[in-house]
């Protein structure tokens, strides 16, 4: 594949200890439970799933905001998982982060100029002229023009779409190699979502950034990502190229996500698409078998209930954790990753 691997995530587990009354150990919440993938330079990967499936914990671990219980995160052949904070400044300068809530992400007591100037000063750019040029360039790229009208404003003086553009400007101002966006348009009006996504995609393509796009909405990923990972119950249960997954969803949960997408079709007024009832599994005490068993319309009692499915390989880039495909080949994660990269 093109340009080589930038980020490697290997058998990543992030568990949080639960204690009762602060003393008695209850167990561990398995927020991320065995996730592996490679991200190549310039590639965009989408991570999709409902609330509570582990998406945000996965990216927080990749960002080194959480320490993994097991596994590792490697960036440009350097281990970043579990590294001491004083040694991780270089990594933070290479990764841009776009938060879900732009208003909460921007300090209310700082002007837009100060917000964009801060990462430049922290990362050792002493020239005031260069910092000012970078700030104006970033605002221009995000279509916050005329720039002079925004430099002295505070976040509360901007609309939600403008605030998110400032967050995007801050995420790219250090020219990172990886951009991570955590549901960047979920809190914006529908009228500005497409424009913000287009800005995000254009920034990613022009700077040849690798990108991880986290969302619960499959309808927004078609024109943004090249691969899709579907998460459920802290695990990746299906992964494929974007076109293959959207045209041939294999896991029952993936099909239910696609069925939940609203389409502008009058026929929808006479149809009601059925989404599996029930709640996601407890991540404190996950079931021994398939984690979608209780909600799955195709569940096989005994097998699905008691045995966790491995990754079945449907094609070169398409893998799925589902016993419906038990006649397909099973390959170790390491072997399939090598085939993908070659």
Protein backbone atom coordinates (compact mmCIF):
# COMPACT_ATOMS: atom_id res chain seq x y z
CA UNK A 1 0.00 0.00 0.00
CA UNK A 2 1.02 3.61 -0.56
CA UNK A 3 3.57 5.47 1.51
CA UNK A 4 3.96 2.82 4.22
CA UNK A 5 2.54 2.49 7.71
CA UNK A 6 2.33 5.54 9.99
CA UNK A 7 0.40 4.16 12.98
CA UNK A 8 0.23 0.59 14.27
CA UNK A 9 -2.20 -0.55 16.97
CA UNK A 10 -1.51 -4.05 18.26
CA UNK A 11 -3.86 -6.12 20.45
CA UNK A 12 -4.96 -3.01 22.33
CA UNK A 13 -6.87 -3.44 25.60
CA UNK A 14 -7.96 -0.50 27.77
CA UNK A 15 -9.71 -1.59 30.96
CA UNK A 16 -10.86 0.57 33.87
CA UNK A 17 -10.97 -0.83 37.40
CA UNK A 18 -14.31 -0.59 39.23
CA UNK A 19 -14.35 -0.28 43.01
CA UNK A 20 -17.30 -0.21 45.42
CA UNK A 21 -17.21 2.55 48.03
CA UNK A 22 -13.66 3.23 46.89
CA UNK A 23 -12.24 0.08 48.50
CA UNK A 24 -13.65 -3.21 47.22
CA UNK A 25 -12.59 -4.40 43.80
CA UNK A 26 -15.61 -5.21 41.63
CA UNK A 27 -14.01 -5.87 38.26
CA UNK A 28 -12.83 -4.13 35.11
CA UNK A 29 -14.83 -2.25 32.50
CA UNK A 30 -13.40 -3.49 29.22
CA UNK A 31 -13.75 -0.30 27.19
CA UNK A 32 -11.39 -1.55 24.46
CA UNK A 33 -10.89 -5.28 24.25
CA UNK A 34 -8.40 -6.44 21.61
CA UNK A 35 -8.18 -4.02 18.68
CA UNK A 36 -5.46 -4.23 16.02
CA UNK A 37 -4.92 -2.27 12.80
CA UNK A 38 -2.39 -0.40 10.68
CA UNK A 39 -2.96 3.10 9.31
CA UNK A 40 -0.95 4.18 6.29
CA UNK A 41 0.22 7.67 5.44
CA UNK A 42 -2.47 9.68 3.68
CA UNK A 43 -5.19 7.10 4.44
CA UNK A 44 -8.49 7.87 6.15
CA UNK A 45 -10.06 5.27 8.45
CA UNK A 46 -13.58 5.56 9.86
CA UNK A 47 -14.53 3.96 13.18
CA UNK A 48 -18.29 3.51 13.46
CA UNK A 49 -20.53 2.30 16.25
CA UNK A 50 -23.22 3.28 18.71
CA UNK A 51 -22.60 5.17 21.95
CA UNK A 52 -20.69 3.13 24.54
CA UNK A 53 -19.03 0.76 22.07
CA UNK A 54 -15.50 1.98 22.89
CA UNK A 55 -14.79 4.39 20.00
CA UNK A 56 -13.79 7.37 22.13
CA UNK A 57 -11.71 5.29 24.55
CA UNK A 58 -9.87 3.77 21.59
CA UNK A 59 -8.85 7.17 20.20
CA UNK A 60 -8.03 8.53 23.67
CA UNK A 61 -5.64 5.59 24.06
CA UNK A 62 -4.15 6.28 20.63
CA UNK A 63 -3.72 9.92 21.69
CA UNK A 64 -1.91 8.69 24.84
CA UNK A 65 -4.57 10.26 27.05
CA UNK A 66 -5.28 6.79 28.47
CA UNK A 67 -2.73 4.10 29.34
CA UNK A 68 -3.50 0.72 27.75
CA UNK A 69 -3.90 -2.30 30.00
CA UNK A 70 -2.34 -4.48 27.30
CA UNK A 71 -1.05 -4.02 23.77
CA UNK A 72 0.78 -1.14 22.17
CA UNK A 73 0.48 1.92 19.96
CA UNK A 74 3.41 2.58 17.63
CA UNK A 75 3.81 5.84 15.67
CA UNK A 76 6.56 6.03 13.04
CA UNK A 77 8.20 2.97 14.61
CA UNK A 78 8.28 4.62 18.05
CA UNK A 79 6.31 3.21 20.96
CA UNK A 80 3.92 5.83 22.39
CA UNK A 81 1.61 3.74 24.57
CA UNK A 82 2.52 4.03 28.23
CA UNK A 83 5.29 6.56 27.58
CA UNK A 84 5.93 9.19 30.26
CA UNK A 85 4.19 12.54 29.61
CA UNK A 86 7.50 14.45 29.60
CA UNK A 87 8.68 12.36 26.64
CA UNK A 88 5.56 12.63 24.52
CA UNK A 89 5.65 16.25 23.38
CA UNK A 90 6.95 15.22 19.95
CA UNK A 91 3.99 12.88 19.45
CA UNK A 92 1.37 15.45 20.40
CA UNK A 93 2.84 17.85 17.83
CA UNK A 94 2.38 15.21 15.12
CA UNK A 95 -1.27 14.43 15.90
CA UNK A 96 -4.11 16.91 15.41
CA UNK A 97 -7.28 16.33 17.46
CA UNK A 98 -10.74 17.61 16.56
CA UNK A 99 -13.13 17.26 19.51
CA UNK A 100 -16.86 16.61 19.35
CA UNK A 101 -18.02 19.75 21.17
CA UNK A 102 -16.25 22.82 19.75
CA UNK A 103 -17.45 25.20 22.47
CA UNK A 104 -16.10 22.96 25.24
CA UNK A 105 -12.85 22.46 23.31
CA UNK A 106 -12.02 26.19 23.13
CA UNK A 107 -10.92 28.14 26.25
CA UNK A 108 -13.55 30.88 26.71
CA UNK A 109 -11.10 33.43 28.17
CA UNK A 110 -8.75 33.41 25.15
CA UNK A 111 -9.15 35.15 21.79
CA UNK A 112 -8.93 33.20 18.55
CA UNK A 113 -5.42 34.57 17.98
CA UNK A 114 -4.31 33.40 21.43
CA UNK A 115 -5.91 29.97 20.96
CA UNK A 116 -4.01 29.38 17.71
CA UNK A 117 -0.80 31.00 18.94
CA UNK A 118 -0.52 28.78 22.03
CA UNK A 119 0.45 25.47 20.30
CA UNK A 120 3.01 27.32 18.19
CA UNK A 121 4.70 28.84 21.25
CA UNK A 122 4.59 25.57 23.19
CA UNK A 123 6.31 23.77 20.33
CA UNK A 124 9.16 26.25 20.08
CA UNK A 125 8.38 28.60 17.21
CA UNK A 126 9.99 31.82 18.52
CA UNK A 127 9.37 34.08 15.55
CA UNK A 128 6.28 36.20 16.15
CA UNK A 129 6.09 36.94 12.42
CA UNK A 130 6.04 33.25 11.51
CA UNK A 131 3.43 32.48 14.18
CA UNK A 132 1.22 35.31 12.88
CA UNK A 133 1.60 34.06 9.30
CA UNK A 134 0.64 30.51 10.31
CA UNK A 135 -2.41 31.72 12.24
CA UNK A 136 -3.70 33.74 9.31
CA UNK A 137 -3.00 30.91 6.87
CA UNK A 138 -4.91 28.41 9.03
CA UNK A 139 -7.92 30.73 9.38
CA UNK A 140 -7.92 31.41 5.64
CA UNK A 141 -7.86 27.69 4.86
CA UNK A 142 -10.87 27.21 7.13
CA UNK A 143 -12.71 30.05 5.34
CA UNK A 144 -12.78 32.28 8.40
CA UNK A 145 -12.31 35.48 6.40
CA UNK A 146 -11.61 38.32 6.53
CA UNK A 147 -9.10 37.02 9.07
CA UNK A 148 -8.87 40.34 10.93
CA UNK A 149 -12.55 40.05 11.86
CA UNK A 150 -11.89 36.84 13.82
CA UNK A 151 -8.48 37.32 15.46
CA UNK A 152 -9.76 39.38 18.41
CA UNK A 153 -13.03 37.52 18.96
CA UNK A 154 -13.74 35.10 21.80
CA UNK A 155 -15.30 31.65 21.16
CA UNK A 156 -18.74 32.66 22.46
CA UNK A 157 -18.91 35.33 19.74
CA UNK A 158 -18.82 32.68 16.99
CA UNK A 159 -21.46 30.30 15.68
CA UNK A 160 -21.12 26.55 16.24
CA UNK A 161 -19.82 26.02 12.70
CA UNK A 162 -17.25 28.80 13.09
CA UNK A 163 -16.11 27.39 16.44
CA UNK A 164 -15.54 23.98 14.85
CA UNK A 165 -13.51 25.62 12.07
CA UNK A 166 -11.30 27.20 14.73
CA UNK A 167 -10.84 23.74 16.28
CA UNK A 168 -9.88 22.43 12.82
CA UNK A 169 -7.45 25.32 12.35
CA UNK A 170 -5.82 24.55 15.71
CA UNK A 171 -5.60 20.83 14.85
CA UNK A 172 -3.68 21.48 11.60
CA UNK A 173 -1.60 24.52 12.54
CA UNK A 174 1.48 22.44 13.48
CA UNK A 175 1.30 20.53 10.17
CA UNK A 176 0.65 17.14 11.82
CA UNK A 177 0.93 13.76 10.12
CA UNK A 178 -2.20 12.30 11.72
CA UNK A 179 -5.60 13.91 12.23
CA UNK A 180 -8.13 12.39 14.65
CA UNK A 181 -11.70 13.67 14.52
CA UNK A 182 -14.15 12.49 17.21
CA UNK A 183 -17.68 12.97 15.81
CA UNK A 184 -16.74 16.46 14.55
CA UNK A 185 -20.18 17.34 13.14
CA UNK A 186 -22.58 15.63 15.56
CA UNK A 187 -23.27 18.87 17.49
CA UNK A 188 -23.64 21.10 14.42
CA UNK A 189 -26.73 22.06 12.47
CA UNK A 190 -27.44 19.95 9.42
CA UNK A 191 -26.90 22.98 7.20
CA UNK A 192 -23.20 23.28 8.13
CA UNK A 193 -22.28 19.62 8.59
CA UNK A 194 -21.47 19.00 4.94
CA UNK A 195 -19.32 22.12 4.70
CA UNK A 196 -17.29 21.21 7.80
CA UNK A 197 -16.80 17.65 6.53
CA UNK A 198 -15.66 19.00 3.17
CA UNK A 199 -13.14 21.26 4.91
CA UNK A 200 -11.90 18.32 6.96
CA UNK A 201 -11.55 16.11 3.89
CA UNK A 202 -9.84 18.84 1.85
CA UNK A 203 -7.35 19.50 4.67
CA UNK A 204 -6.60 15.79 4.93
CA UNK A 205 -6.03 15.41 1.19
CA UNK A 206 -4.01 18.61 0.61
CA UNK A 207 -1.63 17.92 3.50
CA UNK A 208 -1.55 14.14 2.82
CA UNK A 209 -2.60 13.48 6.41
CA UNK A 210 -3.56 10.12 7.75
CA UNK A 211 -6.93 10.48 9.47
CA UNK A 212 -9.16 8.60 11.90
CA UNK A 213 -12.77 9.70 11.69
CA UNK A 214 -15.00 8.56 14.56
CA UNK A 215 -18.76 8.61 14.12
CA UNK A 216 -22.00 6.76 14.88
CA UNK A 217 -23.50 7.77 11.53
CA UNK A 218 -22.63 5.59 8.54
CA UNK A 219 -24.27 8.10 6.18
CA UNK A 220 -21.34 10.54 6.54
CA UNK A 221 -18.46 8.16 5.83
CA UNK A 222 -19.02 7.33 2.14
CA UNK A 223 -17.19 10.37 0.79
CA UNK A 224 -14.66 10.68 3.61
CA UNK A 225 -13.01 7.37 4.44
CA UNK A 226 -11.25 4.59 2.56
CA UNK A 227 -11.78 1.88 5.18
CA UNK A 228 -14.45 1.39 7.84
CA UNK A 229 -14.15 -0.39 11.17
CA UNK A 230 -17.44 -1.23 12.91
CA UNK A 231 -17.15 -1.45 16.71
CA UNK A 232 -19.53 -3.18 19.07
CA UNK A 233 -18.99 -4.18 22.68
CA UNK A 234 -15.39 -2.83 22.73
CA UNK A 235 -14.34 -4.93 19.73
CA UNK A 236 -14.03 -4.41 15.98
CA UNK A 237 -16.62 -6.81 14.62
CA UNK A 238 -16.33 -5.95 10.92
CA UNK A 239 -13.79 -4.13 8.78
CA UNK A 240 -13.62 -3.55 5.05
CA UNK A 241 -13.00 -0.95 2.41
CA UNK A 242 -15.73 1.70 2.39
CA UNK A 243 -17.40 0.63 -0.85
CA UNK A 244 -17.33 -3.06 0.02
CA UNK A 245 -18.77 -2.58 3.49
CA UNK A 246 -21.55 -0.25 2.36
CA UNK A 247 -22.49 -2.45 -0.60
CA UNK A 248 -22.00 -5.81 1.12
CA UNK A 249 -22.42 -5.47 4.90
CA UNK A 250 -21.89 -8.91 6.42
CA UNK A 251 -22.35 -8.63 10.19
CA UNK A 252 -26.00 -8.40 11.34
CA UNK A 253 -25.09 -5.38 13.47
CA UNK A 254 -23.58 -3.55 10.48
CA UNK A 255 -26.73 -4.23 8.49
CA UNK A 256 -28.83 -2.80 11.32
CA UNK A 257 -26.72 0.39 11.31
CA UNK A 258 -27.28 0.79 7.59
CA UNK A 259 -31.00 0.13 7.99
CA UNK A 260 -31.18 2.95 10.52
CA UNK A 261 -29.96 5.55 7.99
CA UNK A 262 -32.75 7.89 6.94
CA UNK A 263 -33.00 8.25 3.17
CA UNK A 264 -34.95 10.94 1.27
CA UNK A 265 -37.37 8.50 -0.29
CA UNK A 266 -41.16 8.77 -0.13
CA UNK A 267 -41.33 4.98 0.17
CA UNK A 268 -39.91 5.33 3.68
CA UNK A 269 -43.24 6.75 4.82
CA UNK A 270 -44.83 3.35 4.20
CA UNK A 271 -42.02 1.24 5.60
CA UNK A 272 -40.58 0.77 9.05
CA UNK A 273 -37.11 -0.67 9.23
CA UNK A 274 -36.58 -2.94 12.20
CA UNK A 275 -33.46 -2.37 14.29
CA UNK A 276 -32.56 -5.14 16.77
CA UNK A 277 -34.10 -4.48 20.16
CA UNK A 278 -32.24 -4.65 23.42
CA UNK A 279 -29.18 -3.05 24.99
CA UNK A 280 -25.45 -3.44 24.33
CA UNK A 281 -23.64 -6.00 26.52
CA UNK A 282 -22.19 -5.10 29.89
CA UNK A 283 -18.50 -4.29 29.47
CA UNK A 284 -17.99 -5.07 33.17
CA UNK A 285 -19.09 -8.67 32.64
CA UNK A 286 -19.16 -9.30 28.87
CA UNK A 287 -20.77 -12.54 27.65
CA UNK A 288 -18.47 -15.47 26.81
CA UNK A 289 -19.68 -15.77 23.23
CA UNK A 290 -20.57 -13.24 20.56
CA UNK A 291 -21.27 -9.87 22.15
CA UNK A 292 -24.16 -9.24 19.76
CA UNK A 293 -25.85 -12.55 20.61
CA UNK A 294 -28.72 -11.14 22.71
CA UNK A 295 -29.82 -8.75 19.93
CA UNK A 296 -28.90 -10.73 16.82
CA UNK A 297 -31.79 -11.90 14.59
CA UNK A 298 -29.54 -14.67 13.19
CA UNK A 299 -28.12 -15.97 16.48
CA UNK A 300 -27.41 -19.70 16.77
CA UNK A 301 -28.08 -20.84 20.31
CA UNK A 302 -25.17 -22.67 21.87
CA UNK A 303 -22.49 -21.66 19.38
CA UNK A 304 -23.01 -17.87 19.35
CA UNK A 305 -23.94 -17.85 23.03
CA UNK A 306 -20.86 -19.61 24.35
CA UNK A 307 -18.02 -19.19 21.84
CA UNK A 308 -16.51 -15.87 20.75
CA UNK A 309 -16.14 -15.78 16.96
CA UNK A 310 -12.69 -15.17 15.44
CA UNK A 311 -12.02 -12.94 12.43
CA UNK A 312 -13.34 -14.71 9.33
CA UNK A 313 -11.74 -13.42 6.12
CA UNK A 314 -14.33 -12.82 3.39
CA UNK A 315 -11.95 -11.11 0.97
CA UNK A 316 -8.53 -9.47 0.98
CA UNK A 317 -9.71 -6.44 2.99
CA UNK A 318 -12.98 -7.71 4.46
CA UNK A 319 -13.07 -9.43 7.86
CA UNK A 320 -15.99 -10.14 10.16
CA UNK A 321 -16.48 -11.64 13.65
CA UNK A 322 -19.61 -13.72 13.05
CA UNK A 323 -20.33 -17.46 13.16
CA UNK A 324 -22.54 -17.12 10.07
CA UNK A 325 -19.28 -17.26 8.11
CA UNK A 326 -17.68 -20.20 9.91
CA UNK A 327 -16.99 -21.93 6.59
CA UNK A 328 -14.69 -19.08 5.55
CA UNK A 329 -10.94 -19.01 6.15
CA UNK A 330 -9.57 -17.80 9.48
CA UNK A 331 -6.17 -16.11 9.41
CA UNK A 332 -4.12 -14.68 12.28
CA UNK A 333 -4.29 -10.90 12.55
CA UNK A 334 -0.57 -10.57 11.83
CA UNK A 335 -0.84 -12.54 8.59
CA UNK A 336 -3.81 -10.60 7.25
CA UNK A 337 -2.14 -7.27 8.09
CA UNK A 338 0.94 -8.34 6.14
CA UNK A 339 -1.21 -9.23 3.15
CA UNK A 340 -2.97 -5.86 3.30
CA UNK A 341 0.29 -3.92 3.32
CA UNK A 342 1.94 -5.92 0.54
